[in-house]
Amino acid sequence: MNMRRSAASLAVAAAAMAGIALTPGVANASTGGGCVRQGLIEACVSASGKYVEPDFYVLASIPGCSYLGIQVNDDTSGTYTRQYFSGCATGHHGPYPLVGTNGHQYSVLAFAQGTGGADFAVSKELTFSD
């Protein structure tokens, strides 16, 4: 009788351990991000794998536009990268992937310089995790 209980207990314990071993770990995922429209510009930030993916939209022709630009802010470290583009084509620009740092928060400033001054938009903030 003792032998049967031991065998049954061993079988239950083995099944439980197998279940634990087969349970997948919790995946990390970036949170937040998204787009914000301001005037004729929409700035966006998202993540894919190890990359932060900033992009932006020029929604209509900007009078007297001389250039477009995008600035990716690492709001955690206070640093940024900036790119300028000649011409002012309407439509989607990007994404412009860059390697993210886990736990850092990123936002995007997209801008266009026109005769009426600068149009710009700032995205929602993304907390990065791959």
Foldseek 3Di string as FASTA:
>chain_A
DVVVVVVVVVVVVVVVVVVVVPDDDDDDFKDDWAWDDDPQKIWTWHDDVQKIWTKMFRNDDAAAWAKKKKWKAQPVVRDIDMDIGGDDDGGIGTGDIDGDDAQTKIKMKIWIQGPVGITIDIIIIMHDDD
